[in-house]
Every structure is written in structure tokens, then in C-alpha cells.
Protein backbone atom coordinates (compact mmCIF):
# COMPACT_ATOMS: atom_id res chain seq x y z
CA MET A 1 84.07 -22.74 35.00
CA ALA A 2 85.25 -24.52 38.42
CA LEU A 3 88.57 -26.23 38.01
CA VAL A 4 91.45 -27.49 40.38
CA GLY A 5 94.25 -25.88 41.85
CA LEU A 6 98.12 -28.17 42.30
CA LEU A 7 98.27 -28.74 46.26
CA PRO A 8 101.53 -28.83 47.41
CA VAL A 9 103.64 -32.26 45.79
CA LEU A 10 106.96 -34.03 46.70
CA CYS A 11 108.69 -35.74 43.73
CA HIS A 12 110.97 -38.21 44.33
CA GLY A 13 114.40 -36.80 44.17
CA GLN A 14 112.94 -33.07 43.02
CA THR A 15 115.30 -30.13 42.76
CA PRO A 16 114.28 -26.57 42.57
CA LYS A 17 113.18 -25.36 39.48
CA GLY A 18 115.47 -24.51 36.93
CA GLY A 19 118.47 -26.23 39.15
CA ALA A 20 120.30 -28.85 37.98
CA ALA A 21 119.43 -32.65 38.21
CA THR A 22 122.06 -34.84 39.25
CA ALA A 23 123.66 -36.94 36.50
CA GLY A 24 121.87 -40.17 36.57
CA GLN A 25 118.84 -39.30 38.59
CA LEU A 26 115.64 -38.48 36.60
CA ASN A 27 113.72 -35.46 38.28
CA LEU A 28 110.44 -35.04 37.74
CA ILE A 29 110.15 -31.36 38.28
CA ASP A 30 106.96 -28.61 37.68
CA PRO A 31 103.87 -29.94 38.05
CA VAL A 32 101.39 -28.21 36.80
CA ILE A 33 96.97 -28.79 36.80
CA SER A 34 95.71 -25.77 34.55
CA GLN A 35 92.54 -25.12 32.84
CA PHE A 36 93.71 -25.58 29.14
CA GLU A 37 96.85 -26.99 27.63
CA ASP A 38 99.48 -24.97 28.35
CA GLY A 39 97.25 -23.14 30.53
CA PRO A 40 99.04 -21.27 34.11
CA PRO A 41 98.21 -23.08 37.03
CA VAL A 42 94.51 -22.59 38.43
CA GLY A 43 95.08 -21.85 41.59
CA ASN A 44 92.95 -22.66 44.47
CA GLN A 45 89.67 -23.59 42.87
CA ARG A 46 88.18 -27.03 42.20
CA VAL A 47 86.90 -28.93 39.90
CA VAL A 48 83.28 -30.90 39.41
CA PRO A 49 82.37 -34.07 37.94
CA GLY A 50 82.10 -34.40 34.28
CA GLU A 51 85.27 -31.56 33.71
CA SER A 52 88.07 -32.42 31.72
CA VAL A 53 91.84 -31.54 33.37
CA PHE A 54 95.18 -30.73 32.11
CA PHE A 55 98.10 -32.04 33.46
CA ARG A 56 101.72 -31.27 32.77
CA PHE A 57 105.03 -31.74 33.70
CA GLY A 58 108.95 -31.35 33.45
CA ALA A 59 112.23 -33.70 33.89
CA ALA A 60 115.51 -33.09 34.43
CA GLY A 61 118.48 -34.78 34.73
CA TYR A 62 117.82 -37.03 31.78
CA LYS A 63 120.31 -38.12 29.13
CA THR A 64 121.43 -36.50 25.97
CA SER A 65 122.95 -38.66 23.81
CA ASP A 66 126.26 -37.37 21.53
CA SER A 67 123.77 -37.11 18.88
CA GLY A 68 121.60 -35.32 21.22
CA ARG A 69 119.15 -37.18 21.38
CA VAL A 70 115.89 -37.25 24.28
CA GLN A 71 114.17 -40.10 24.28
CA LEU A 72 111.73 -40.20 27.77
CA THR A 73 108.03 -41.81 28.08
CA GLY A 74 105.61 -40.93 30.86
CA HIS A 75 102.47 -42.35 32.10
CA LEU A 76 99.75 -41.13 34.32
CA GLN A 77 96.55 -42.33 36.62
CA VAL A 78 94.06 -40.80 38.87
CA PHE A 79 92.42 -41.50 41.73
CA ASP A 80 88.79 -40.62 43.69
CA SER A 81 88.79 -39.69 46.82
CA ARG A 82 88.08 -43.35 47.95
CA ASN A 83 91.29 -44.59 45.90
CA VAL A 84 89.55 -46.20 42.92
CA ALA A 85 91.06 -45.74 39.75
CA ILE A 86 89.18 -43.44 37.50
CA MET A 87 90.61 -44.14 34.03
CA SER A 88 93.58 -46.73 32.58
CA VAL A 89 97.03 -45.80 32.70
CA ASP A 90 98.02 -43.25 30.05
CA GLU A 91 101.13 -42.78 28.57
CA VAL A 92 103.05 -40.26 26.50
CA ALA A 93 106.36 -39.67 24.88
CA VAL A 94 108.73 -37.28 24.30
CA ALA A 95 111.63 -38.11 21.78
CA THR A 96 113.89 -35.78 19.65
CA THR A 97 117.15 -34.45 18.86
CA LEU A 98 118.43 -31.44 19.83
CA ARG A 99 120.70 -28.59 17.96
CA ASP A 100 122.85 -26.48 19.56
CA GLU A 101 120.49 -23.54 19.81
CA ASP A 102 118.08 -26.35 21.91
CA LYS A 103 119.92 -26.67 25.25
CA ASN A 104 117.79 -24.20 27.22
CA TRP A 105 114.92 -26.81 25.90
CA LYS A 106 113.38 -28.73 29.04
CA PRO A 107 111.43 -31.48 28.66
CA LYS A 108 107.53 -31.41 29.19
CA LEU A 109 104.78 -34.40 29.46
CA HIS A 110 101.34 -32.93 28.92
CA PHE A 111 98.12 -35.86 29.51
CA GLN A 112 94.61 -35.31 30.02
CA PHE A 113 91.70 -36.41 31.14
CA GLN A 114 88.19 -36.38 32.80
CA ILE A 115 86.78 -36.90 35.56
CA PRO A 116 83.43 -38.93 36.16
CA PRO A 117 80.12 -37.55 35.42
CA ILE A 118 78.61 -39.43 38.44
CA ALA A 119 81.91 -39.01 41.27
CA PRO A 120 82.08 -38.56 44.98
CA PRO A 121 83.75 -35.09 45.96
CA GLY A 122 87.16 -34.57 48.06
CA THR A 123 91.28 -35.21 47.33
CA TYR A 124 91.78 -36.89 44.56
CA ARG A 125 95.44 -38.49 43.99
CA ILE A 126 96.99 -37.95 40.47
CA HIS A 127 99.88 -41.05 40.38
CA PHE A 128 102.52 -39.90 37.47
CA GLU A 129 105.94 -40.88 36.53
CA ALA A 130 108.54 -40.84 33.97
CA THR A 131 111.32 -43.44 32.51
CA ASP A 132 114.55 -42.49 30.60
CA ASP A 133 114.39 -44.85 27.77
CA GLN A 134 118.02 -44.41 26.95
CA THR A 135 119.31 -44.61 30.97
CA LYS A 136 116.15 -46.65 31.98
CA GLN A 137 116.52 -44.50 35.01
CA LYS A 138 112.70 -43.70 36.60
CA GLY A 139 111.38 -40.77 38.22
CA THR A 140 107.55 -41.28 40.17
CA SER A 141 105.30 -38.89 42.39
CA GLU A 142 102.11 -37.60 43.11
CA ALA A 143 99.97 -34.70 43.29
CA THR A 144 96.83 -34.49 44.47
CA PHE A 145 93.69 -31.58 43.91
CA GLN A 146 90.03 -30.89 45.33
CA VAL A 147 86.87 -32.42 43.31
CA GLU A 148 83.55 -30.82 44.92
CA GLY A 149 79.88 -32.47 44.22
CA ARG A 150 77.24 -33.64 45.85
CA ASN A 151 78.15 -37.25 48.23
CA VAL A 152 76.48 -40.73 48.06
CA PRO A 153 77.80 -42.62 51.31
CA PRO A 154 78.69 -46.24 50.21
CA SER A 155 76.76 -49.24 51.52
CA ASP A 156 77.76 -53.13 51.70
CA SER A 157 74.11 -53.47 50.14
CA ILE A 158 71.73 -51.93 47.77
CA VAL A 159 70.00 -49.19 50.02
CA VAL A 160 68.20 -45.92 48.47
CA ARG A 161 69.17 -42.68 50.33
CA ASN A 162 68.50 -39.36 49.72
CA LEU A 163 64.58 -39.87 48.87
CA ASN A 164 63.66 -36.26 48.77
CA PHE A 165 61.12 -34.56 47.18
CA TYR A 166 61.43 -31.23 45.06
CA ARG A 167 59.52 -28.44 43.23
CA ASN A 168 60.75 -28.60 39.91
CA PRO A 169 63.85 -30.58 38.78
CA ASP A 170 66.25 -28.56 38.86
CA GLU A 171 66.47 -27.60 42.69
CA GLU A 172 69.45 -28.95 44.51
CA ILE A 173 67.43 -28.35 48.34
CA PRO A 174 64.91 -30.25 49.10
CA LEU A 175 61.90 -29.46 50.42
CA ARG A 176 61.57 -28.39 54.43
CA VAL A 177 57.54 -29.60 54.56
CA ALA A 178 56.45 -31.48 51.19
CA ALA A 179 53.15 -29.90 50.91
CA TYR A 180 51.42 -29.86 47.64
CA ARG A 181 48.14 -28.86 46.14
CA PRO A 182 46.19 -30.50 43.75
CA GLY A 183 46.87 -30.29 40.11
CA ASP A 184 50.99 -28.93 41.92
CA ALA A 185 54.45 -31.27 40.11
CA VAL A 186 55.66 -33.32 42.47
CA TRP A 187 59.18 -33.95 41.68
CA VAL A 188 61.17 -36.76 43.94
CA LYS A 189 64.90 -37.74 43.66
CA PHE A 190 67.24 -40.36 45.25
CA ASP A 191 70.21 -42.56 44.66
CA VAL A 192 70.75 -46.30 44.85
CA THR A 193 73.57 -47.11 45.54
CA GLY A 194 75.33 -50.26 47.08
CA TYR A 195 74.81 -52.55 44.11
CA LYS A 196 76.83 -55.27 42.90
CA ARG A 197 78.92 -54.91 40.17
CA GLY A 198 79.89 -57.75 37.37
CA GLU A 199 82.54 -58.35 34.89
CA GLN A 200 83.83 -55.02 33.38
CA ASN A 201 82.60 -53.04 36.48
CA SER A 202 78.51 -53.55 34.51
CA ILE A 203 75.88 -52.69 37.10
CA ASP A 204 72.15 -53.56 36.27
CA VAL A 205 69.81 -51.73 38.65
CA THR A 206 65.87 -50.78 37.91
CA TYR A 207 63.45 -49.39 39.88
CA ASP A 208 59.80 -49.19 40.40
CA VAL A 209 57.62 -46.42 41.76
CA ALA A 210 54.31 -46.53 44.03
CA VAL A 211 52.05 -44.30 45.60
CA THR A 212 49.33 -45.19 48.21
CA ASP A 213 47.27 -42.74 50.15
CA SER A 214 46.58 -42.84 53.70
CA GLN A 215 44.38 -46.02 54.14
CA GLY A 216 47.24 -47.88 52.18
CA LYS A 217 45.23 -48.00 48.72
CA GLN A 218 47.41 -47.84 45.84
CA VAL A 219 46.88 -45.08 43.51
CA PHE A 220 49.54 -44.84 41.34
CA SER A 221 52.31 -48.03 39.86
CA GLN A 222 55.09 -47.80 37.85
CA PRO A 223 57.09 -51.34 37.49
CA ASP A 224 60.92 -50.67 36.09
CA ALA A 225 60.44 -46.80 35.50
CA ALA A 226 64.03 -46.81 35.13
CA SER A 227 66.86 -48.57 35.25
CA GLU A 228 70.64 -48.75 34.50
CA LYS A 229 72.28 -50.74 32.59
CA SER A 230 75.91 -50.41 31.94
CA GLN A 231 79.86 -51.25 32.12
CA ALA A 232 82.83 -48.50 32.23
CA TYR A 233 86.43 -49.03 33.45
CA TYR A 234 84.95 -46.57 36.03
CA ALA A 235 83.19 -48.37 38.68
CA GLN A 236 79.98 -46.11 38.48
CA PRO A 237 79.31 -45.25 42.34
CA TRP A 238 75.62 -44.26 42.79
CA VAL A 239 72.66 -44.56 39.96
CA PRO A 240 70.95 -40.80 40.56
CA GLY A 241 66.65 -41.43 40.14
CA VAL A 242 64.05 -38.72 39.16
CA PHE A 243 60.37 -38.60 38.91
CA SER A 244 57.76 -36.40 38.80
CA LEU A 245 53.91 -37.13 40.10
CA THR A 246 51.00 -34.35 38.55
CA LEU A 247 48.35 -34.31 41.04
CA GLN A 248 45.08 -34.27 39.63
CA GLY A 249 42.61 -31.09 40.28
CA ASN A 250 40.41 -33.35 42.36
CA THR A 251 42.82 -35.39 44.32
CA ARG A 252 41.82 -35.79 47.70
CA PRO A 253 43.66 -33.41 50.94
CA GLY A 254 45.89 -35.83 53.18
CA GLU A 255 49.01 -38.19 53.63
CA TYR A 256 50.06 -40.20 50.92
CA HIS A 257 53.33 -41.86 50.49
CA VAL A 258 55.89 -42.57 47.92
CA SER A 259 57.53 -46.00 47.62
CA ILE A 260 60.65 -46.81 45.51
CA THR A 261 61.85 -50.37 45.21
CA ALA A 262 65.28 -50.95 44.19
CA ARG A 263 66.77 -54.13 42.38
CA ASP A 264 70.08 -55.17 42.01
CA GLY A 265 70.17 -57.33 38.78
CA ILE A 266 73.66 -58.72 39.61
CA GLY A 267 73.32 -58.98 42.97
CA ASP A 268 69.95 -60.47 42.72
CA LYS A 269 68.73 -58.22 46.46
CA SER A 270 66.29 -55.46 46.09
CA VAL A 271 65.14 -53.03 49.05
CA THR A 272 62.16 -50.53 49.58
CA ALA A 273 62.10 -47.36 50.59
CA THR A 274 58.77 -44.97 51.43
CA THR A 275 58.46 -41.45 52.34
CA ALA A 276 55.11 -38.96 52.69
CA PHE A 277 54.04 -36.48 51.41
CA GLN A 278 50.70 -33.97 52.35
CA VAL A 279 47.89 -32.73 49.90
CA GLY A 280 46.18 -29.89 51.01
CA ASN A 281 43.01 -27.75 50.31
């Protein structure tokens, strides 16, 4: 499993690990990203979309009351490489009463979040903070990590990108030469982006598929071949599309054109992209 490594971070008022914090000043220390809860740091590896990430950090300089009471509240929010929040603010609390034998205990605030299944690669940012509920002192810091994966450049209006041919649906690298023979399956992949979003980041994207021969005669058509209508906290940056055509045994050799017409139901716009493939003997 590919996971994430924590890059160097600067915590406001941070003291060295194990050091004593200035009285009355809350400091955030020892941030760690790991594969599982309380696990070791994962080094310089990266996460991929859809993976879960565990994050924890400590605190120093908090108040311990005369009765041994410690009470902290932590918050966390994560932003993608385009500075879009992938989640709402998460909150955790640490509230406990210490005994004499707990004098070396240090509070840890634990979080877990998931990278969206469709998300751009690049540097992601974790904004985290904690408040000492007894003194109202607050500490704030940030950490960054890397996400790898496909990148679909954004657009100001609806557009079809990465329209390519493949031998099978599992291939990630498109064919350099889109050439097939009668009886072959023609796999097509593409991405739609630049659509408008409605309330609660709702999207309404539909696409049609058409195939014409070298004379411009339509040999295949499928209106509303697929659609994506959804809403979520995270604004899905693109909609991936995939479909296949099975060439009949008597398909004539020549050049054929595949057209994708994508429609944005919220923005009330559409766009058509066309690409060609060859059928040989």
C-alpha cells in the first residue's frame, strides 16, 4: 500500500521533542502521519486517491489543574493541491484526570481521513490546531504530504480531455497508434471537467457517444451513454468516462471517428470532442 510521508513542518511556538513548554503557552509537537493508528511514520512514500490516512500530534504547555485535570480540543482540516478542502473540520477532545504516576503522560490527538477517490495529485496540506479548554490558549500548525495519481487540468468551461483508445479497460497508457481489426473490442477513455457546480457541490454531467465512418455516415449512436449526478462536500474535479465498441466481423477497413458530446446540466452548456481510429484487414 502506498502511503504518505510527513514533510518538515514548523509548529507555532514548537519546542524540541521532549522539551518543556513555556508556561501558559500551548505548543503542538511531534506530528506524525502513519499507515495505522499509533503506527510509525511511513517515510517518504505517497498516498493515492481513495486511501485512508492516520494523523496524530502532541501538545505541551497545557494546564494541569490542582485536581490533575487536563482538557484539550483539537481540530483538523485537509486541503488538496488546488487548495480545496477535501473534508469538513474534524474535532477530537482529550479530557482526563492525572494521578501522580501519570506525571510522564503526554496527550496525543488522533485523526483519520480519506483522500477522495477522484482527486488531483500534488502537495496536500493538513491544517491542525488545539485549544487548552482551561486557559483558552491555542496552538496552530500545518503539515504537508504528497498524493500521486492522474492529473486532469482544470477548465473554466466544460471540456473533454484525455480522449484516447486502449486495448482493454485496465490499461493506463493509451495506444500510440489506434489501429484495430474486425472483431476487436475498441476501448475508449476520457475525462470531462470544467462543468459548473450547484448547491452542496452538486454536478450533473451526461455524455453521448457516436461513431461515423470515413464518409461521415453514422454507424453507431448512443445518446445518454452515461451520466454523473451527485453532490458531496468535496467538489469532484472531473468525471471519468469509459466505454467499448465491438467491431463486427464484416466491418469495412478504413478510418472511423468517435465523437463524445458532454453536457453540463447545471451550467447548461455542451461540448463535442472527436478522435479517429483505423480498422485494418
